[in-house]
Amino acid sequence: RLAYDPMVPDTTGTSTATAPFGSAQRLSLSLDQL
């Protein structure tokens, strides 16, 4: 899953941590199933 929210300030960069839909980070990557 790749999640992106342009309304979140780009202060934390990109995160690879597990993040829900509507994360507090602008761009986040997560692995839902494997």
PDB file of all heavy atoms in Angstrom:
ATOM      1  N   ARG A   1       0.834  -1.206   0.000  1.00  0.00           N
ATOM      2  CA  ARG A   1       0.000   0.000   0.000  1.00  0.00           C
ATOM      3  C   ARG A   1       0.864   1.249   0.000  1.00  0.00           C
ATOM      4  O   ARG A   1       1.796   1.379   0.802  1.00  0.00           O
ATOM      5  CB  ARG A   1      -0.924   0.009   1.218  1.00  0.00           C
ATOM      6  CG  ARG A   1      -1.730   1.286   1.417  1.00  0.00           C
ATOM      7  CD  ARG A   1      -2.781   1.078   2.474  1.00  0.00           C
ATOM      8  NE  ARG A   1      -3.718   0.028   2.071  1.00  0.00           N
ATOM      9  CZ  ARG A   1      -4.526  -0.598   2.904  1.00  0.00           C
ATOM     10  NH1 ARG A   1      -4.509  -0.302   4.193  1.00  0.00           N
ATOM     11  NH2 ARG A   1      -5.346  -1.539   2.460  1.00  0.00           N
ATOM     12  N   LEU A   2       0.526   2.149  -0.899  1.00  0.00           N
ATOM     13  CA  LEU A   2       1.148   3.457  -0.927  1.00  0.00           C
ATOM     14  C   LEU A   2       0.072   4.484  -0.608  1.00  0.00           C
ATOM     15  O   LEU A   2      -0.968   4.510  -1.265  1.00  0.00           O
ATOM     16  CB  LEU A   2       1.773   3.733  -2.300  1.00  0.00           C
ATOM     17  CG  LEU A   2       2.586   5.028  -2.428  1.00  0.00           C
ATOM     18  CD1 LEU A   2       3.721   4.842  -3.413  1.00  0.00           C
ATOM     19  CD2 LEU A   2       1.702   6.196  -2.874  1.00  0.00           C
ATOM     20  N   ALA A   3       0.282   5.300   0.410  1.00  0.00           N
ATOM     21  CA  ALA A   3      -0.689   6.314   0.825  1.00  0.00           C
ATOM     22  C   ALA A   3      -0.061   7.693   0.705  1.00  0.00           C
ATOM     23  O   ALA A   3       1.116   7.894   1.040  1.00  0.00           O
ATOM     24  CB  ALA A   3      -1.150   6.070   2.264  1.00  0.00           C
ATOM     25  N   TYR A   4      -0.870   8.651   0.231  1.00  0.00           N
ATOM     26  CA  TYR A   4      -0.363  10.001   0.004  1.00  0.00           C
ATOM     27  C   TYR A   4      -1.456  11.000   0.356  1.00  0.00           C
ATOM     28  O   TYR A   4      -2.618  10.827  -0.018  1.00  0.00           O
ATOM     29  CB  TYR A   4       0.047  10.170  -1.459  1.00  0.00           C
ATOM     30  CG  TYR A   4       0.433  11.572  -1.845  1.00  0.00           C
ATOM     31  CD1 TYR A   4       1.617  12.142  -1.383  1.00  0.00           C
ATOM     32  CD2 TYR A   4      -0.384  12.339  -2.671  1.00  0.00           C
ATOM     33  CE1 TYR A   4       1.974  13.430  -1.726  1.00  0.00           C
ATOM     34  CE2 TYR A   4      -0.038  13.637  -3.027  1.00  0.00           C
ATOM     35  CZ  TYR A   4       1.147  14.174  -2.549  1.00  0.00           C
ATOM     36  OH  TYR A   4       1.494  15.448  -2.900  1.00  0.00           O
ATOM     37  N   ASP A   5      -1.086  12.052   1.088  1.00  0.00           N
ATOM     38  CA  ASP A   5      -2.016  13.118   1.439  1.00  0.00           C
ATOM     39  C   ASP A   5      -1.306  14.456   1.252  1.00  0.00           C
ATOM     40  O   ASP A   5      -0.434  14.826   2.036  1.00  0.00           O
ATOM     41  CB  ASP A   5      -2.491  12.975   2.885  1.00  0.00           C
ATOM     42  CG  ASP A   5      -3.629  13.932   3.218  1.00  0.00           C
ATOM     43  OD1 ASP A   5      -3.854  14.889   2.450  1.00  0.00           O
ATOM     44  OD2 ASP A   5      -4.297  13.731   4.248  1.00  0.00           O
ATOM     45  N   PRO A   6      -1.644  15.217   0.214  1.00  0.00           N
ATOM     46  CA  PRO A   6      -0.947  16.476  -0.040  1.00  0.00           C
ATOM     47  C   PRO A   6      -1.215  17.540   1.008  1.00  0.00           C
ATOM     48  O   PRO A   6      -0.486  18.545   1.068  1.00  0.00           O
ATOM     49  CB  PRO A   6      -1.486  16.905  -1.411  1.00  0.00           C
ATOM     50  CG  PRO A   6      -2.839  16.273  -1.494  1.00  0.00           C
ATOM     51  CD  PRO A   6      -2.699  14.957  -0.781  1.00  0.00           C
ATOM     52  N   MET A   7      -2.239  17.360   1.856  1.00  0.00           N
ATOM     53  CA  MET A   7      -2.556  18.370   2.866  1.00  0.00           C
ATOM     54  C   MET A   7      -1.689  18.239   4.110  1.00  0.00           C
ATOM     55  O   MET A   7      -1.740  19.110   4.990  1.00  0.00           O
ATOM     56  CB  MET A   7      -4.035  18.266   3.264  1.00  0.00           C
ATOM     57  CG  MET A   7      -5.000  18.403   2.094  1.00  0.00           C
ATOM     58  SD  MET A   7      -4.781  19.947   1.184  1.00  0.00           S
ATOM     59  CE  MET A   7      -5.273  21.144   2.433  1.00  0.00           C
ATOM     60  N   VAL A   8      -0.904  17.187   4.202  1.00  0.00           N
ATOM     61  CA  VAL A   8      -0.017  17.010   5.345  1.00  0.00           C
ATOM     62  C   VAL A   8       1.310  17.706   5.046  1.00  0.00           C
ATOM     63  O   VAL A   8       1.881  17.494   3.971  1.00  0.00           O
ATOM     64  CB  VAL A   8       0.215  15.510   5.638  1.00  0.00           C
ATOM     65  CG1 VAL A   8       1.230  15.333   6.756  1.00  0.00           C
ATOM     66  CG2 VAL A   8      -1.101  14.845   5.996  1.00  0.00           C
ATOM     67  N   PRO A   9       1.825  18.541   5.947  1.00  0.00           N
ATOM     68  CA  PRO A   9       3.104  19.207   5.688  1.00  0.00           C
ATOM     69  C   PRO A   9       4.214  18.199   5.438  1.00  0.00           C
ATOM     70  O   PRO A   9       4.308  17.167   6.112  1.00  0.00           O
ATOM     71  CB  PRO A   9       3.362  19.997   6.977  1.00  0.00           C
ATOM     72  CG  PRO A   9       2.011  20.181   7.588  1.00  0.00           C
ATOM     73  CD  PRO A   9       1.229  18.948   7.219  1.00  0.00           C
ATOM     74  N   ASP A  10       5.044  18.508   4.458  1.00  0.00           N
ATOM     75  CA  ASP A  10       6.134  17.600   4.088  1.00  0.00           C
ATOM     76  C   ASP A  10       7.332  17.846   4.988  1.00  0.00           C
ATOM     77  O   ASP A  10       8.368  18.347   4.562  1.00  0.00           O
ATOM     78  CB  ASP A  10       6.509  17.786   2.623  1.00  0.00           C
ATOM     79  CG  ASP A  10       7.450  16.698   2.126  1.00  0.00           C
ATOM     80  OD1 ASP A  10       7.579  15.678   2.817  1.00  0.00           O
ATOM     81  OD2 ASP A  10       8.045  16.880   1.056  1.00  0.00           O
ATOM     82  N   THR A  11       7.162  17.490   6.268  1.00  0.00           N
ATOM     83  CA  THR A  11       8.238  17.702   7.237  1.00  0.00           C
ATOM     84  C   THR A  11       8.854  16.409   7.728  1.00  0.00           C
ATOM     85  O   THR A  11       9.906  16.421   8.345  1.00  0.00           O
ATOM     86  CB  THR A  11       7.716  18.480   8.460  1.00  0.00           C
ATOM     87  OG1 THR A  11       6.629  17.743   9.048  1.00  0.00           O
ATOM     88  CG2 THR A  11       7.225  19.861   8.040  1.00  0.00           C
ATOM     89  N   THR A  12       8.177  15.300   7.462  1.00  0.00           N
ATOM     90  CA  THR A  12       8.672  14.017   7.971  1.00  0.00           C
ATOM     91  C   THR A  12       9.246  13.139   6.877  1.00  0.00           C
ATOM     92  O   THR A  12       9.701  12.044   7.145  1.00  0.00           O
ATOM     93  CB  THR A  12       7.530  13.256   8.670  1.00  0.00           C
ATOM     94  OG1 THR A  12       6.446  13.089   7.752  1.00  0.00           O
ATOM     95  CG2 THR A  12       7.045  14.024   9.875  1.00  0.00           C
ATOM     96  N   GLY A  13       9.197  13.627   5.611  1.00  0.00           N
ATOM     97  CA  GLY A  13       9.748  12.821   4.530  1.00  0.00           C
ATOM     98  C   GLY A  13       8.880  11.614   4.256  1.00  0.00           C
ATOM     99  O   GLY A  13       7.677  11.600   4.488  1.00  0.00           O
ATOM    100  N   THR A  14       9.504  10.576   3.776  1.00  0.00           N
ATOM    101  CA  THR A  14       8.807   9.343   3.432  1.00  0.00           C
ATOM    102  C   THR A  14       9.014   8.317   4.529  1.00  0.00           C
ATOM    103  O   THR A  14      10.115   8.141   5.024  1.00  0.00           O
ATOM    104  CB  THR A  14       9.339   8.793   2.100  1.00  0.00           C
ATOM    105  OG1 THR A  14       9.168   9.782   1.097  1.00  0.00           O
ATOM    106  CG2 THR A  14       8.565   7.539   1.703  1.00  0.00           C
ATOM    107  N   SER A  15       7.960   7.641   4.891  1.00  0.00           N
ATOM    108  CA  SER A  15       8.039   6.626   5.940  1.00  0.00           C
ATOM    109  C   SER A  15       7.735   5.263   5.360  1.00  0.00           C
ATOM    110  O   SER A  15       6.868   5.121   4.506  1.00  0.00           O
ATOM    111  CB  SER A  15       7.047   6.943   7.062  1.00  0.00           C
ATOM    112  OG  SER A  15       6.954   5.866   7.958  1.00  0.00           O
ATOM    113  N   THR A  16       8.437   4.261   5.804  1.00  0.00           N
ATOM    114  CA  THR A  16       8.142   2.882   5.431  1.00  0.00           C
ATOM    115  C   THR A  16       7.442   2.148   6.564  1.00  0.00           C
ATOM    116  O   THR A  16       7.253   0.953   6.505  1.00  0.00           O
ATOM    117  CB  THR A  16       9.435   2.130   5.062  1.00  0.00           C
ATOM    118  OG1 THR A  16      10.348   2.201   6.159  1.00  0.00           O
ATOM    119  CG2 THR A  16      10.075   2.753   3.845  1.00  0.00           C
ATOM    120  N   ALA A  17       7.083   2.858   7.611  1.00  0.00           N
ATOM    121  CA  ALA A  17       6.399   2.237   8.736  1.00  0.00           C
ATOM    122  C   ALA A  17       4.945   1.970   8.379  1.00  0.00           C
ATOM    123  O   ALA A  17       4.379   2.572   7.471  1.00  0.00           O
ATOM    124  CB  ALA A  17       6.472   3.146   9.972  1.00  0.00           C
ATOM    125  N   THR A  18       4.347   1.055   9.106  1.00  0.00           N
ATOM    126  CA  THR A  18       2.936   0.756   8.897  1.00  0.00           C
ATOM    127  C   THR A  18       2.105   1.980   9.236  1.00  0.00           C
ATOM    128  O   THR A  18       2.200   2.524  10.328  1.00  0.00           O
ATOM    129  CB  THR A  18       2.522  -0.423   9.780  1.00  0.00           C
ATOM    130  OG1 THR A  18       3.291  -1.556   9.402  1.00  0.00           O
ATOM    131  CG2 THR A  18       1.053  -0.732   9.609  1.00  0.00           C
ATOM    132  N   ALA A  19       1.304   2.443   8.292  1.00  0.00           N
ATOM    133  CA  ALA A  19       0.523   3.657   8.496  1.00  0.00           C
ATOM    134  C   ALA A  19      -0.868   3.453   7.935  1.00  0.00           C
ATOM    135  O   ALA A  19      -1.042   2.876   6.875  1.00  0.00           O
ATOM    136  CB  ALA A  19       1.196   4.845   7.806  1.00  0.00           C
ATOM    137  N   PRO A  20      -1.910   3.904   8.644  1.00  0.00           N
ATOM    138  CA  PRO A  20      -3.272   3.729   8.157  1.00  0.00           C
ATOM    139  C   PRO A  20      -3.602   4.711   7.052  1.00  0.00           C
ATOM    140  O   PRO A  20      -2.878   5.657   6.785  1.00  0.00           O
ATOM    141  CB  PRO A  20      -4.114   3.990   9.407  1.00  0.00           C
ATOM    142  CG  PRO A  20      -3.280   4.957  10.196  1.00  0.00           C
ATOM    143  CD  PRO A  20      -1.842   4.551   9.943  1.00  0.00           C
ATOM    144  N   PHE A  21      -4.731   4.469   6.406  1.00  0.00           N
ATOM    145  CA  PHE A  21      -5.245   5.396   5.398  1.00  0.00           C
ATOM    146  C   PHE A  21      -5.516   6.733   6.078  1.00  0.00           C
ATOM    147  O   PHE A  21      -6.197   6.825   7.059  1.00  0.00           O
ATOM    148  CB  PHE A  21      -6.526   4.807   4.837  1.00  0.00           C
ATOM    149  CG  PHE A  21      -7.063   5.494   3.608  1.00  0.00           C
ATOM    150  CD1 PHE A  21      -6.264   6.252   2.796  1.00  0.00           C
ATOM    151  CD2 PHE A  21      -8.395   5.350   3.293  1.00  0.00           C
ATOM    152  CE1 PHE A  21      -6.779   6.858   1.673  1.00  0.00           C
ATOM    153  CE2 PHE A  21      -8.922   5.956   2.161  1.00  0.00           C
ATOM    154  CZ  PHE A  21      -8.105   6.721   1.349  1.00  0.00           C
ATOM    155  N   GLY A  22      -4.950   7.804   5.501  1.00  0.00           N
ATOM    156  CA  GLY A  22      -5.059   9.093   6.145  1.00  0.00           C
ATOM    157  C   GLY A  22      -3.995   9.247   7.207  1.00  0.00           C
ATOM    158  O   GLY A  22      -4.239   9.755   8.295  1.00  0.00           O
ATOM    159  N   SER A  23      -2.775   8.827   6.927  1.00  0.00           N
ATOM    160  CA  SER A  23      -1.683   8.879   7.881  1.00  0.00           C
ATOM    161  C   SER A  23      -1.303  10.311   8.193  1.00  0.00           C
ATOM    162  O   SER A  23      -1.615  11.243   7.464  1.00  0.00           O
ATOM    163  CB  SER A  23      -0.468   8.125   7.313  1.00  0.00           C
ATOM    164  OG  SER A  23       0.685   8.388   8.066  1.00  0.00           O
ATOM    165  N   ALA A  24      -0.601  10.499   9.300  1.00  0.00           N
ATOM    166  CA  ALA A  24      -0.091  11.810   9.656  1.00  0.00           C
ATOM    167  C   ALA A  24       1.127  12.180   8.825  1.00  0.00           C
ATOM    168  O   ALA A  24       1.693  13.244   9.014  1.00  0.00           O
ATOM    169  CB  ALA A  24       0.262  11.840  11.143  1.00  0.00           C
ATOM    170  N   GLN A  25       1.531  11.339   7.894  1.00  0.00           N
ATOM    171  CA  GLN A  25       2.656  11.603   7.025  1.00  0.00           C
ATOM    172  C   GLN A  25       2.175  11.798   5.594  1.00  0.00           C
ATOM    173  O   GLN A  25       1.205  11.194   5.161  1.00  0.00           O
ATOM    174  CB  GLN A  25       3.666  10.456   7.098  1.00  0.00           C
ATOM    175  CG  GLN A  25       4.278  10.316   8.487  1.00  0.00           C
ATOM    176  CD  GLN A  25       4.995   9.002   8.653  1.00  0.00           C
ATOM    177  OE1 GLN A  25       4.629   8.022   8.024  1.00  0.00           O
ATOM    178  NE2 GLN A  25       6.004   8.989   9.497  1.00  0.00           N
ATOM    179  N   ARG A  26       2.869  12.662   4.864  1.00  0.00           N
ATOM    180  CA  ARG A  26       2.445  12.959   3.497  1.00  0.00           C
ATOM    181  C   ARG A  26       2.535  11.723   2.602  1.00  0.00           C
ATOM    182  O   ARG A  26       1.611  11.430   1.841  1.00  0.00           O
ATOM    183  CB  ARG A  26       3.299  14.087   2.918  1.00  0.00           C
ATOM    184  CG  ARG A  26       3.054  14.322   1.432  1.00  0.00           C
ATOM    185  CD  ARG A  26       3.762  15.539   0.913  1.00  0.00           C
ATOM    186  NE  ARG A  26       3.094  16.761   1.374  1.00  0.00           N
ATOM    187  CZ  ARG A  26       3.334  17.958   0.848  1.00  0.00           C
ATOM    188  NH1 ARG A  26       4.224  18.102  -0.110  1.00  0.00           N
ATOM    189  NH2 ARG A  26       2.699  19.009   1.294  1.00  0.00           N
ATOM    190  N   LEU A  27       3.626  10.998   2.686  1.00  0.00           N
ATOM    191  CA  LEU A  27       3.817   9.828   1.840  1.00  0.00           C
ATOM    192  C   LEU A  27       4.258   8.669   2.719  1.00  0.00           C
ATOM    193  O   LEU A  27       5.218   8.796   3.483  1.00  0.00           O
ATOM    194  CB  LEU A  27       4.874  10.110   0.773  1.00  0.00           C
ATOM    195  CG  LEU A  27       5.138   9.000  -0.255  1.00  0.00           C
ATOM    196  CD1 LEU A  27       3.894   8.750  -1.097  1.00  0.00           C
ATOM    197  CD2 LEU A  27       6.311   9.377  -1.149  1.00  0.00           C
ATOM    198  N   SER A  28       3.545   7.548   2.650  1.00  0.00           N
ATOM    199  CA  SER A  28       3.886   6.406   3.490  1.00  0.00           C
ATOM    200  C   SER A  28       3.740   5.119   2.689  1.00  0.00           C
ATOM    201  O   SER A  28       2.904   5.018   1.788  1.00  0.00           O
ATOM    202  CB  SER A  28       2.997   6.346   4.735  1.00  0.00           C
ATOM    203  OG  SER A  28       1.644   6.172   4.384  1.00  0.00           O
ATOM    204  N   LEU A  29       4.579   4.169   3.007  1.00  0.00           N
ATOM    205  CA  LEU A  29       4.550   2.845   2.395  1.00  0.00           C
ATOM    206  C   LEU A  29       4.275   1.821   3.485  1.00  0.00           C
ATOM    207  O   LEU A  29       4.813   1.923   4.589  1.00  0.00           O
ATOM    208  CB  LEU A  29       5.884   2.522   1.721  1.00  0.00           C
ATOM    209  CG  LEU A  29       6.403   3.530   0.691  1.00  0.00           C
ATOM    210  CD1 LEU A  29       7.781   3.123   0.213  1.00  0.00           C
ATOM    211  CD2 LEU A  29       5.445   3.653  -0.466  1.00  0.00           C
ATOM    212  N   SER A  30       3.451   0.852   3.200  1.00  0.00           N
ATOM    213  CA  SER A  30       3.182  -0.187   4.183  1.00  0.00           C
ATOM    214  C   SER A  30       2.924  -1.501   3.466  1.00  0.00           C
ATOM    215  O   SER A  30       2.566  -1.539   2.292  1.00  0.00           O
ATOM    216  CB  SER A  30       1.982   0.177   5.074  1.00  0.00           C
ATOM    217  OG  SER A  30       0.809   0.369   4.300  1.00  0.00           O
ATOM    218  N   LEU A  31       3.123  -2.580   4.197  1.00  0.00           N
ATOM    219  CA  LEU A  31       2.881  -3.924   3.697  1.00  0.00           C
ATOM    220  C   LEU A  31       1.651  -4.461   4.392  1.00  0.00           C
ATOM    221  O   LEU A  31       1.668  -4.702   5.603  1.00  0.00           O
ATOM    222  CB  LEU A  31       4.093  -4.810   3.962  1.00  0.00           C
ATOM    223  CG  LEU A  31       4.024  -6.239   3.408  1.00  0.00           C
ATOM    224  CD1 LEU A  31       3.993  -6.217   1.876  1.00  0.00           C
ATOM    225  CD2 LEU A  31       5.214  -7.056   3.903  1.00  0.00           C
ATOM    226  N   ASP A  32       0.581  -4.628   3.645  1.00  0.00           N
ATOM    227  CA  ASP A  32      -0.667  -5.098   4.226  1.00  0.00           C
ATOM    228  C   ASP A  32      -0.661  -6.613   4.389  1.00  0.00           C
ATOM    229  O   ASP A  32      -1.018  -7.136   5.445  1.00  0.00           O
ATOM    230  CB  ASP A  32      -1.841  -4.663   3.357  1.00  0.00           C
ATOM    231  CG  ASP A  32      -3.170  -5.157   3.897  1.00  0.00           C
ATOM    232  OD1 ASP A  32      -3.442  -4.907   5.080  1.00  0.00           O
ATOM    233  OD2 ASP A  32      -3.925  -5.797   3.150  1.00  0.00           O
ATOM    234  N   GLN A  33      -0.264  -7.349   3.345  1.00  0.00           N
ATOM    235  CA  GLN A  33      -0.242  -8.802   3.398  1.00  0.00           C
ATOM    236  C   GLN A  33       0.975  -9.329   2.638  1.00  0.00           C
ATOM    237  O   GLN A  33       1.358  -8.780   1.613  1.00  0.00           O
ATOM    238  CB  GLN A  33      -1.515  -9.396   2.776  1.00  0.00           C
ATOM    239  CG  GLN A  33      -2.804  -8.980   3.453  1.00  0.00           C
ATOM    240  CD  GLN A  33      -4.018  -9.563   2.778  1.00  0.00           C
ATOM    241  OE1 GLN A  33      -4.160 -10.789   2.691  1.00  0.00           O
ATOM    242  NE2 GLN A  33      -4.906  -8.721   2.299  1.00  0.00           N
ATOM    243  N   LEU A  34       1.534 -10.403   3.155  1.00  0.00           N
ATOM    244  CA  LEU A  34       2.624 -11.120   2.486  1.00  0.00           C
ATOM    245  C   LEU A  34       2.652 -12.519   3.081  1.00  0.00           C
ATOM    246  O   LEU A  34       3.228 -12.738   4.143  1.00  0.00           O
ATOM    247  CB  LEU A  34       3.969 -10.412   2.694  1.00  0.00           C
ATOM    248  CG  LEU A  34       5.174 -11.052   2.004  1.00  0.00           C
ATOM    249  CD1 LEU A  34       5.015 -11.021   0.482  1.00  0.00           C
ATOM    250  CD2 LEU A  34       6.464 -10.349   2.411  1.00  0.00           C
TER     251      LEU A  34
END
